[in-house]
Amino acid sequence: MTKVPKVSVNLCCYNSARFLEETLASVFAQNYTDYELVIVNDGSRDATDAIIKKHLAAGRPIVYLPQENAGLGASRNKALAASSGEIIAIIDHDDVWEPRKLELLVPFFDRPGVSFVGSDALMMDSQGRPLRRYSEGITLHRGRILRELFLCNFVPCAAAMMRRSAIAAAGGLFRPDFHIAEEYELFLRLAEQGEFDFSPEPLVRIRVHSNSAGWDFAQERSELRKIYAQFLTRHPELNATLGRNLLAAKSAGFWVSPELAAAFAGQGPAALRAQALLLGTLSRLAPGAIDGLRSLKRAIQRRLIASRESGA
């Protein structure tokens, strides 16, 4: 009888040939080896299929599922359905794991109350050059983190590992109509089921490049607005505790750091309190103006990164 692996690593690919070899190598280099790698090729038209088949022929522990293009949410669900492990780990096709990633995070699940786990991360550019540490711009929390996660997603997707039974209890699937925030929406549902824990060690390297899906600000904001509206419907008690301005900023689809959340409540430095007041007011009165400024900022950042890549 074939032994069922403890961990199913889920990897969804779309035209991934540029970075896929490095991503696969980081999975195969794990010190912890009780895993399978479930790969969904979402209709790639480059050399993605050939790269995967090469590793299949080499005897790697791969479950390979090619399909016509269906989008990231549907691909994640297909990978999840084909997984046999009790722990589901996500890696994106352009990110890299450190060799001890599984070794250090699997033991967190020995505690029955833990639904999902993660770690700190390092951000890198398209050439693999370090940019910054993930926790430099965001605060990670542990335990029952529902409110904190609602305010700001601090779980790097490439670091996330989830208990399979917790996913089932949370509804069992990613939202197939989402293309950017599908994992965050599931993380919120997991936080409703149990605890989150993390390693402060950066166990993943997240690649920031000009072709990343996350640059689509309009799509991201649209998905976040839906997520927040549905979350507040499930948790109406938060409406009273957030306050009018913070609720407006969240309903408009913005991340809010713990420091900024405190500023909405009148705490912290005056400059931060003024920023909170302005953001809350504009979110209620002129959300389109903020959208335009944020879209412009993201477009400039993307252009700068593309320029750096062309000169690399």
Foldseek 3Di string as FASTA:
>chain_A
DDDAFQEEEEEEDAQLVLAQVQAVVQVVLAPDDRYAYEYEYQQHDDCPVVVVVVVVVVVGRYDYHYDHHQADQVSRLVSLVPHRHQKYAYAYRRKHFHRCLCVPPVVVVVPVQAFKEFEKAFEAESVRHTDGTLVVVAPDDKWLCLVQLLQAPSHDRNGMMGGQVLCVVLPNGFDSVAHACRVSLSVNSSSVRGIYYYYHDHGMYHYDALPDPVLPLVSQQVVQLVSSVVVCVVVVVVVVVQDQLSNLLSNSRDRAHPQLSVLCVVDDDPVSVVVSVVSSVCSVPPSVVVSVVVNVVSVVVSVVRNVVVVVD
